[in-house]
Protein backbone atom coordinates (compact mmCIF):
# COMPACT_ATOMS: atom_id res chain seq x y z
CA MET A 1 -25.45 45.74 27.20
CA LEU A 2 -26.30 46.43 23.59
CA THR A 3 -29.73 46.28 22.02
CA ASP A 4 -30.70 45.43 18.45
CA MET A 5 -31.86 49.01 17.97
CA ALA A 6 -28.53 50.48 19.16
CA VAL A 7 -26.56 48.18 16.90
CA ARG A 8 -28.76 48.91 13.91
CA LYS A 9 -28.46 52.71 14.38
CA ALA A 10 -24.70 52.73 15.00
CA ALA A 11 -23.37 55.33 12.55
CA ALA A 12 -19.93 56.30 11.32
CA ARG A 13 -17.88 58.94 13.16
CA GLU A 14 -14.64 60.72 12.49
CA LYS A 15 -12.75 57.97 14.29
CA PRO A 16 -13.48 54.24 14.74
CA TYR A 17 -15.23 53.47 18.04
CA LYS A 18 -16.41 50.50 20.10
CA MET A 19 -19.83 49.66 21.55
CA SER A 20 -19.47 47.16 24.43
CA ASP A 21 -21.88 44.33 25.18
CA GLY A 22 -19.94 43.07 28.20
CA GLY A 23 -17.80 39.99 28.73
CA GLY A 24 -15.20 41.29 26.28
CA LEU A 25 -17.67 41.43 23.38
CA TYR A 26 -18.06 44.67 21.43
CA LEU A 27 -19.10 46.15 18.10
CA LEU A 28 -16.34 48.01 16.26
CA VAL A 29 -17.69 50.77 14.00
CA THR A 30 -15.24 52.07 11.37
CA LYS A 31 -15.03 55.55 9.84
CA ALA A 32 -16.76 54.10 6.76
CA GLY A 33 -19.66 52.86 8.87
CA GLN A 34 -18.78 49.15 8.72
CA ARG A 35 -19.71 47.19 11.85
CA TYR A 36 -17.48 44.33 13.03
CA TRP A 37 -17.98 42.03 16.01
CA ARG A 38 -14.88 41.58 18.15
CA MET A 39 -14.12 39.96 21.48
CA ASP A 40 -11.19 40.55 23.81
CA TYR A 41 -10.13 37.71 26.10
CA ARG A 42 -7.21 36.55 28.18
CA PHE A 43 -5.62 33.12 27.85
CA ALA A 44 -2.54 31.95 29.74
CA GLY A 45 -2.04 35.52 30.98
CA LYS A 46 -1.98 36.95 27.46
CA ARG A 47 -4.59 39.34 26.06
CA SER A 48 -5.97 38.49 22.61
CA THR A 49 -8.72 39.61 20.28
CA ILE A 50 -10.82 37.42 18.04
CA ALA A 51 -13.09 38.41 15.15
CA LEU A 52 -16.66 37.08 15.30
CA GLY A 53 -18.18 38.32 12.07
CA VAL A 54 -19.80 41.35 10.47
CA TYR A 55 -23.15 42.92 11.31
CA PRO A 56 -25.85 42.39 10.01
CA ALA A 57 -24.67 39.03 8.61
CA VAL A 58 -24.10 38.01 12.23
CA SER A 59 -26.83 39.25 14.56
CA LEU A 60 -26.48 40.33 18.18
CA ALA A 61 -28.14 37.11 19.35
CA GLU A 62 -25.79 34.96 17.26
CA VAL A 63 -22.66 36.75 18.40
CA ARG A 64 -23.67 36.32 22.04
CA LEU A 65 -23.83 32.56 21.48
CA LYS A 66 -20.32 32.73 19.99
CA ARG A 67 -19.15 34.62 23.07
CA GLN A 68 -20.48 31.81 25.24
CA GLU A 69 -18.69 29.19 23.12
CA ILE A 70 -15.42 31.09 23.47
CA LYS A 71 -15.76 31.31 27.21
CA GLN A 72 -16.43 27.59 27.31
CA GLN A 73 -13.31 26.87 25.21
CA ILE A 74 -11.19 28.98 27.56
CA ALA A 75 -12.66 27.16 30.58
CA GLU A 76 -11.70 23.84 28.95
CA GLY A 77 -8.14 25.01 28.35
CA PHE A 78 -8.30 25.87 24.65
CA ASP A 79 -7.05 29.08 23.11
CA PRO A 80 -9.98 30.20 20.87
CA ALA A 81 -7.72 31.80 18.26
CA ALA A 82 -5.51 28.69 18.03
CA LYS A 83 -8.55 26.44 17.86
CA ARG A 84 -9.96 28.51 15.03
CA LYS A 85 -6.75 28.09 13.03
CA ILE A 86 -6.87 24.33 13.56
CA ASP A 87 -10.54 24.21 12.58
CA LYS A 88 -9.75 26.17 9.43
CA ILE A 89 -7.18 23.57 8.44
CA THR A 90 -9.20 20.51 9.43
CA GLY A 91 -12.56 21.90 8.35
CA PRO A 92 -12.40 20.55 4.77
CA LEU A 93 -11.41 17.15 6.16
CA ALA A 94 -14.22 17.20 8.69
CA SER A 95 -16.78 17.81 5.96
CA ALA A 96 -15.54 14.77 4.02
CA ASN A 97 -16.43 12.45 6.86
CA THR A 98 -18.13 9.45 5.27
CA PHE A 99 -16.40 6.08 5.21
CA ALA A 100 -16.17 6.22 1.41
CA ALA A 101 -14.62 9.71 1.43
CA VAL A 102 -12.06 8.81 4.09
CA ALA A 103 -11.24 5.55 2.30
CA GLU A 104 -10.60 7.44 -0.94
CA GLU A 105 -8.26 9.88 0.84
CA TRP A 106 -6.40 6.97 2.42
CA LEU A 107 -6.02 5.30 -0.99
CA GLU A 108 -4.58 8.54 -2.40
CA LYS A 109 -2.07 8.62 0.47
CA VAL A 110 -1.12 5.00 -0.14
CA GLU A 111 -0.64 5.75 -3.84
CA ARG A 112 1.65 8.70 -3.02
CA GLU A 113 3.71 6.33 -0.89
CA GLY A 114 4.50 4.32 -3.99
CA ARG A 115 2.28 1.25 -3.67
CA ALA A 116 2.15 -0.84 -6.82
CA GLU A 117 -0.83 -0.39 -9.14
CA VAL A 118 -1.87 -4.01 -8.64
CA THR A 119 -1.93 -3.44 -4.86
CA LEU A 120 -4.09 -0.33 -5.27
CA ARG A 121 -6.54 -2.24 -7.45
CA LYS A 122 -6.84 -4.96 -4.83
CA LEU A 123 -7.43 -2.41 -2.06
CA ARG A 124 -10.17 -0.71 -4.09
CA TRP A 125 -11.70 -4.08 -4.85
CA LEU A 126 -11.79 -4.94 -1.14
CA LEU A 127 -13.27 -1.59 -0.10
CA ASN A 128 -16.01 -1.92 -2.71
CA PHE A 129 -17.49 -4.66 -0.53
CA ALA A 130 -17.93 -2.09 2.26
CA HIS A 131 -19.24 0.92 0.34
CA PRO A 132 -22.81 -0.34 -0.34
CA ILE A 133 -23.39 -0.86 3.40
CA ILE A 134 -21.32 1.77 5.23
CA GLY A 135 -19.90 3.94 2.45
CA LEU A 136 -22.26 6.87 3.08
CA ARG A 137 -22.18 6.53 6.85
CA LYS A 138 -20.31 9.14 8.90
CA ILE A 139 -17.19 7.22 9.84
CA SER A 140 -17.27 8.33 13.49
CA ASP A 141 -20.80 6.90 13.84
CA ILE A 142 -20.00 3.43 12.49
CA LYS A 143 -20.20 0.71 15.14
CA ALA A 144 -18.54 -2.68 15.21
CA PRO A 145 -21.77 -4.59 14.34
CA GLU A 146 -22.12 -2.54 11.13
CA LEU A 147 -18.61 -3.43 10.00
CA LEU A 148 -19.28 -7.04 10.99
CA ALA A 149 -22.34 -7.00 8.71
CA VAL A 150 -20.03 -6.02 5.84
CA LEU A 151 -17.66 -8.89 6.61
CA ARG A 152 -20.53 -11.35 6.94
CA THR A 153 -21.67 -10.61 3.36
CA VAL A 154 -18.22 -11.72 2.19
CA GLU A 155 -18.11 -14.73 4.51
CA LYS A 156 -21.47 -16.00 3.21
CA ARG A 157 -19.82 -16.48 -0.16
CA GLY A 158 -17.18 -18.67 1.45
CA HIS A 159 -14.44 -16.06 0.93
CA TYR A 160 -12.93 -16.21 4.41
CA GLU A 161 -9.49 -14.91 3.43
CA THR A 162 -11.11 -11.96 1.62
CA ALA A 163 -13.13 -11.16 4.75
CA ARG A 164 -9.96 -11.24 6.83
CA ARG A 165 -8.15 -8.89 4.48
CA LEU A 166 -11.16 -6.59 4.30
CA ARG A 167 -11.23 -6.25 8.10
CA SER A 168 -7.54 -5.34 8.05
CA THR A 169 -7.99 -2.82 5.24
CA CYS A 170 -11.00 -1.19 6.93
CA GLY A 171 -8.90 -0.97 10.09
CA GLN A 172 -6.31 1.08 8.19
CA VAL A 173 -9.06 3.42 6.97
CA PHE A 174 -10.36 3.88 10.53
CA ARG A 175 -6.86 4.59 11.84
CA TYR A 176 -6.39 7.18 9.10
CA ALA A 177 -9.70 8.76 10.16
CA ILE A 178 -8.43 8.93 13.76
CA ALA A 179 -5.21 10.60 12.63
CA THR A 180 -7.16 13.21 10.64
CA GLY A 181 -9.62 13.96 13.42
CA ARG A 182 -12.71 12.30 11.97
CA ALA A 183 -12.99 9.25 14.23
CA ASP A 184 -12.14 8.40 17.80
CA ARG A 185 -11.42 4.70 17.52
CA ASP A 186 -10.82 1.77 15.20
CA VAL A 187 -13.91 -0.42 15.50
CA SER A 188 -12.29 -3.16 13.41
CA ALA A 189 -10.21 -4.02 16.48
CA ASP A 190 -13.41 -5.14 18.21
CA LEU A 191 -13.95 -7.81 15.55
CA ARG A 192 -10.88 -9.91 16.28
CA GLY A 193 -12.16 -13.44 16.67
CA ALA A 194 -15.60 -12.56 15.25
CA ILE A 195 -15.02 -13.80 11.70
CA THR A 196 -14.07 -17.21 10.36
CA VAL A 197 -10.34 -17.90 10.36
CA PRO A 198 -9.35 -19.10 6.87
CA LYS A 199 -7.36 -22.28 6.52
CA VAL A 200 -3.78 -21.65 5.50
CA THR A 201 -3.28 -22.68 1.91
CA HIS A 202 0.00 -22.56 0.04
CA ARG A 203 0.30 -21.60 -3.61
CA ALA A 204 0.59 -24.66 -5.80
CA ALA A 205 4.14 -25.46 -6.83
CA ILE A 206 6.10 -28.34 -8.33
CA ILE A 207 8.96 -29.22 -5.99
CA ASP A 208 9.88 -32.72 -7.16
CA PRO A 209 12.95 -32.67 -9.49
CA LYS A 210 11.49 -35.14 -11.99
CA GLU A 211 8.19 -33.27 -12.18
CA ALA A 212 10.14 -30.01 -12.50
CA GLY A 213 11.88 -31.54 -15.53
CA VAL A 214 8.48 -32.35 -17.06
CA LEU A 215 7.39 -28.75 -16.49
CA LEU A 216 10.53 -27.31 -18.07
CA ARG A 217 10.15 -29.52 -21.15
CA ALA A 218 6.51 -28.45 -21.43
CA ILE A 219 7.62 -24.82 -21.32
CA ASP A 220 10.11 -25.46 -24.11
CA ALA A 221 7.31 -26.95 -26.21
CA TYR A 222 4.88 -24.07 -25.54
CA SER A 223 3.49 -22.78 -28.85
CA GLY A 224 1.61 -19.69 -27.67
CA TYR A 225 2.46 -15.99 -27.84
CA PRO A 226 6.29 -15.64 -28.12
CA ILE A 227 6.59 -13.04 -25.33
CA THR A 228 4.59 -15.29 -22.98
CA HIS A 229 6.91 -18.15 -23.94
CA SER A 230 9.95 -16.03 -23.03
CA ALA A 231 8.43 -15.11 -19.66
CA LEU A 232 7.75 -18.79 -18.95
CA ARG A 233 11.35 -19.69 -19.86
CA MET A 234 12.80 -16.93 -17.69
CA ALA A 235 10.56 -17.41 -14.61
CA PRO A 236 12.22 -20.57 -13.18
CA HIS A 237 15.73 -19.11 -13.60
CA VAL A 238 15.14 -15.78 -11.78
CA PHE A 239 12.26 -16.89 -9.47
CA VAL A 240 11.20 -13.30 -8.71
CA ARG A 241 7.62 -12.44 -7.81
CA PRO A 242 5.25 -12.65 -10.80
CA GLY A 243 4.52 -8.92 -10.72
CA GLU A 244 8.23 -8.12 -10.75
CA LEU A 245 8.78 -10.36 -13.76
CA ARG A 246 5.92 -9.13 -15.92
CA GLN A 247 6.76 -5.48 -15.18
CA ALA A 248 10.47 -5.86 -15.99
CA GLU A 249 11.81 -2.89 -17.99
CA TRP A 250 14.81 -2.75 -20.29
CA ASN A 251 16.38 0.15 -18.39
CA GLU A 252 16.60 -2.02 -15.24
CA PHE A 253 19.17 -4.34 -16.85
CA ASP A 254 22.91 -3.75 -16.70
CA PHE A 255 24.25 -6.12 -19.35
CA ASP A 256 27.87 -5.13 -18.73
CA LYS A 257 27.61 -6.37 -15.13
CA SER A 258 24.93 -9.01 -15.83
CA ILE A 259 22.60 -7.65 -13.16
CA TRP A 260 18.87 -6.93 -13.17
CA THR A 261 18.02 -4.36 -10.49
CA ILE A 262 14.33 -4.26 -9.63
CA PRO A 263 13.51 -0.79 -8.23
CA ALA A 264 12.11 -0.45 -4.72
CA GLU A 265 8.67 0.71 -5.84
CA LYS A 266 8.11 -2.60 -7.63
CA THR A 267 9.16 -4.91 -4.80
CA LYS A 268 7.03 -6.19 -1.97
CA MET A 269 9.62 -5.14 0.63
CA ARG A 270 9.99 -1.67 -0.95
CA LYS A 271 13.75 -2.14 -1.32
CA PRO A 272 15.75 -2.54 -4.55
CA HIS A 273 16.36 -6.18 -5.39
CA ARG A 274 19.28 -7.43 -7.50
CA VAL A 275 19.15 -10.54 -9.66
CA PRO A 276 22.40 -11.98 -11.12
CA LEU A 277 21.86 -12.77 -14.80
CA THR A 278 23.15 -16.17 -15.86
CA ARG A 279 24.15 -17.04 -19.41
CA GLN A 280 20.81 -18.87 -19.82
CA VAL A 281 18.83 -15.80 -18.79
CA LEU A 282 20.94 -13.51 -20.97
CA ALA A 283 20.19 -15.78 -23.94
CA ILE A 284 16.44 -15.50 -23.27
CA VAL A 285 16.70 -11.72 -22.96
CA GLU A 286 18.73 -11.55 -26.17
CA ASP A 287 15.94 -13.40 -27.99
CA LEU A 288 13.48 -10.83 -26.62
CA ARG A 289 15.39 -7.88 -28.07
CA GLU A 290 14.01 -8.52 -31.54
CA VAL A 291 10.46 -8.73 -30.21
CA SER A 292 10.21 -6.05 -27.47
CA GLY A 293 13.63 -4.39 -27.32
CA PHE A 294 12.29 -1.22 -28.95
CA GLY A 295 9.77 -0.58 -26.15
CA ARG A 296 9.71 -0.06 -22.39
CA PHE A 297 8.82 -3.53 -21.11
CA LEU A 298 10.49 -6.86 -21.72
CA PHE A 299 7.07 -8.52 -21.60
CA PRO A 300 4.51 -6.06 -22.98
CA ALA A 301 0.82 -6.90 -23.12
CA GLN A 302 -0.35 -8.36 -26.41
CA GLY A 303 -1.55 -5.48 -28.58
CA LYS A 304 -0.63 -2.88 -25.91
CA ARG A 305 3.10 -2.28 -26.07
CA ASP A 306 2.98 0.55 -23.53
CA ARG A 307 1.62 -1.76 -20.81
CA PRO A 308 3.14 -4.81 -19.12
CA MET A 309 1.84 -8.32 -19.53
CA CYS A 310 -1.41 -9.02 -17.66
CA GLU A 311 -1.03 -10.56 -14.23
CA ASN A 312 -2.85 -13.81 -15.13
CA THR A 313 -1.00 -14.45 -18.41
CA ILE A 314 1.54 -16.93 -17.02
CA ASN A 315 -1.07 -18.81 -15.00
CA LEU A 316 -3.29 -19.11 -18.08
CA ALA A 317 -0.33 -20.39 -20.09
CA LEU A 318 0.37 -23.03 -17.44
CA ARG A 319 -3.28 -24.13 -17.63
CA ARG A 320 -2.99 -24.37 -21.40
CA MET A 321 0.01 -26.68 -20.95
CA GLY A 322 -2.04 -28.91 -18.65
CA PHE A 323 -0.89 -27.71 -15.21
CA ASP A 324 -4.00 -26.85 -13.20
CA GLY A 325 -4.23 -24.41 -10.29
CA LYS A 326 -3.58 -27.18 -7.77
CA THR A 327 -0.38 -28.25 -9.48
CA MET A 328 1.55 -25.13 -10.49
CA THR A 329 1.18 -21.34 -10.46
CA ALA A 330 3.29 -18.40 -11.56
CA HIS A 331 4.26 -17.86 -7.93
CA GLY A 332 5.16 -21.54 -7.67
CA PHE A 333 8.51 -21.01 -9.39
CA ARG A 334 9.65 -19.30 -6.19
CA ALA A 335 8.65 -22.26 -4.02
CA MET A 336 10.28 -24.63 -6.48
CA ALA A 337 13.58 -22.75 -6.31
CA SER A 338 13.46 -22.32 -2.54
CA THR A 339 12.74 -26.01 -1.91
CA LEU A 340 15.24 -27.48 -4.35
CA LEU A 341 18.05 -25.04 -3.49
CA ASN A 342 17.65 -25.77 0.22
CA GLU A 343 17.55 -29.51 -0.45
CA GLN A 344 20.85 -29.30 -2.32
CA GLY A 345 22.50 -28.34 0.96
CA ARG A 346 25.19 -26.35 -0.84
CA TRP A 347 23.98 -22.84 -0.11
CA ASN A 348 23.70 -20.67 2.94
CA PRO A 349 19.96 -20.41 3.72
CA ASP A 350 20.42 -16.65 4.13
CA ALA A 351 21.73 -16.41 0.56
CA ILE A 352 18.63 -18.22 -0.68
CA GLU A 353 16.36 -15.93 1.36
CA ARG A 354 18.12 -12.81 0.08
CA GLN A 355 17.77 -13.99 -3.51
CA LEU A 356 14.08 -14.64 -2.93
CA GLY A 357 13.79 -11.00 -1.85
CA HIS A 358 12.69 -11.85 1.69
CA ALA A 359 13.46 -9.24 4.34
CA GLU A 360 15.32 -10.25 7.49
CA ARG A 361 12.95 -9.63 10.41
CA ASP A 362 15.65 -9.44 13.05
CA ASP A 363 17.25 -5.96 13.07
CA VAL A 364 20.62 -7.26 14.28
CA ARG A 365 20.77 -10.01 11.66
CA ARG A 366 19.66 -7.55 8.97
CA ALA A 367 22.49 -5.20 9.87
CA TYR A 368 24.98 -8.09 9.98
CA ALA A 369 23.84 -9.43 6.60
CA ARG A 370 24.30 -6.05 4.93
CA GLY A 371 26.40 -7.66 2.19
CA LYS A 372 23.42 -9.86 1.33
CA HIS A 373 25.74 -12.78 0.40
CA TRP A 374 26.15 -11.30 -3.06
CA ASP A 375 29.13 -13.40 -4.22
CA GLU A 376 27.45 -16.59 -3.09
CA ARG A 377 24.21 -15.55 -4.78
CA ILE A 378 26.02 -15.10 -8.09
CA GLU A 379 27.54 -18.58 -7.80
CA MET A 380 24.21 -20.04 -6.66
CA MET A 381 22.25 -18.57 -9.56
CA ARG A 382 24.75 -19.90 -12.11
CA SER A 383 24.56 -23.33 -10.54
CA TRP A 384 20.75 -23.14 -10.40
CA SER A 385 20.43 -22.35 -14.12
CA ASP A 386 22.76 -25.25 -14.95
CA TYR A 387 20.69 -27.51 -12.66
CA LEU A 388 17.49 -26.50 -14.48
CA ASP A 389 19.16 -27.43 -17.78
CA GLN A 390 19.93 -30.87 -16.35
CA LEU A 391 16.36 -31.31 -15.18
CA ARG A 392 15.06 -30.26 -18.58
CA SER A 393 17.28 -32.76 -20.36
CA GLY A 394 16.09 -35.55 -18.10
CA ALA A 395 19.55 -36.21 -16.70
CA LYS A 396 19.80 -38.30 -13.56
CA ILE A 397 20.09 -35.99 -10.56
CA LEU A 398 21.92 -36.96 -7.39
CA HIS A 399 20.33 -35.74 -4.17
CA GLY A 400 23.24 -35.69 -1.75
CA HIS A 401 23.15 -33.15 1.08
CA PHE A 402 26.64 -31.80 0.70
CA ARG A 403 26.68 -28.93 3.15
CA LYS A 404 29.52 -26.46 3.30
CA PRO A 405 31.62 -26.24 6.45
CA ARG A 406 30.08 -24.24 9.24
CA SER A 407 32.51 -21.39 8.60
CA ALA A 408 30.98 -20.99 5.15
CA LEU A 409 27.45 -20.88 6.55
CA VAL A 410 28.21 -17.75 8.56
CA LYS A 411 29.94 -16.05 5.66
């Protein structure tokens, strides 16, 4: 075995030489007098050598401890050289091991995957409830009661749905930590049933034809910002999600084919969504050309032409017209269209669902409905725009349920 004195006095020779300490450990002395710690070992019948540092930066006592660690790794079935490569890769991740650091990495991953900016803002907003309590905690040390304490602070404010979403979001952060080797389990799973279940509430929407007529006439009479007025006029005709409407860009419109194609990164289902453009919608868009046709967005923010309309603009306009949050919302135009189109009994429910941008959950049905009832959707949207004109004019509307033959329903 080596001694500190022998290692310290090891001098250069004409050729490199080794000084053994036993157990495969030795000091390699080069012709230039440099002293390197090395260890030979066998794993799975193969001989390998691993570097353990340079003397005197690594002392004899320290390198002996490393030798013991290597022997332990071999006994546990790990190749020390392979483990070192893995540790080198995962080391930077392991050092960023607080809940806040892991959450930020996860958010960056989600952003790379193409999540909408509004979604990212909501996720950050949710996680900000957790950071003051567990943000600086090592994520592998966080226990279920600590996460529950975070959720309780939200519950105490009466925000039960926010608490539910926060638990789900934290669960995604924990699962990301597991995948990157910084946690062993998702403690959010232990909290199922531990927080208040929020009552299911539906977004306010007008679904009565007469009341819809009142709404449409109020929209016509709106005297606010012209671009907001155009968005309000267009919303009931296309009934897309509010975020899809306000972020509409001119380059998404094919006026030769009368189609608006919303790109996948803007849709909830992350698939392109096509909207047939009726003559009524084309007229609204034509009016917009003089106002915003020179920019990127159909509905730019007031005073900020390079940004889309704010997400609350339509809701605020509805409030200004006298429709409170319990009566009508921007999202309510979708419920209005879904309800009234289904009540007409003329259209295949699948065509309505496709036009709403809902994904078919059943894989077989999704494959079968690959055509997405496009021809029927075109006809339906034309009829819907004409129907809205009738409602606006106050015409008497018949409510017969004139269903197509069964053969048409499985078109």
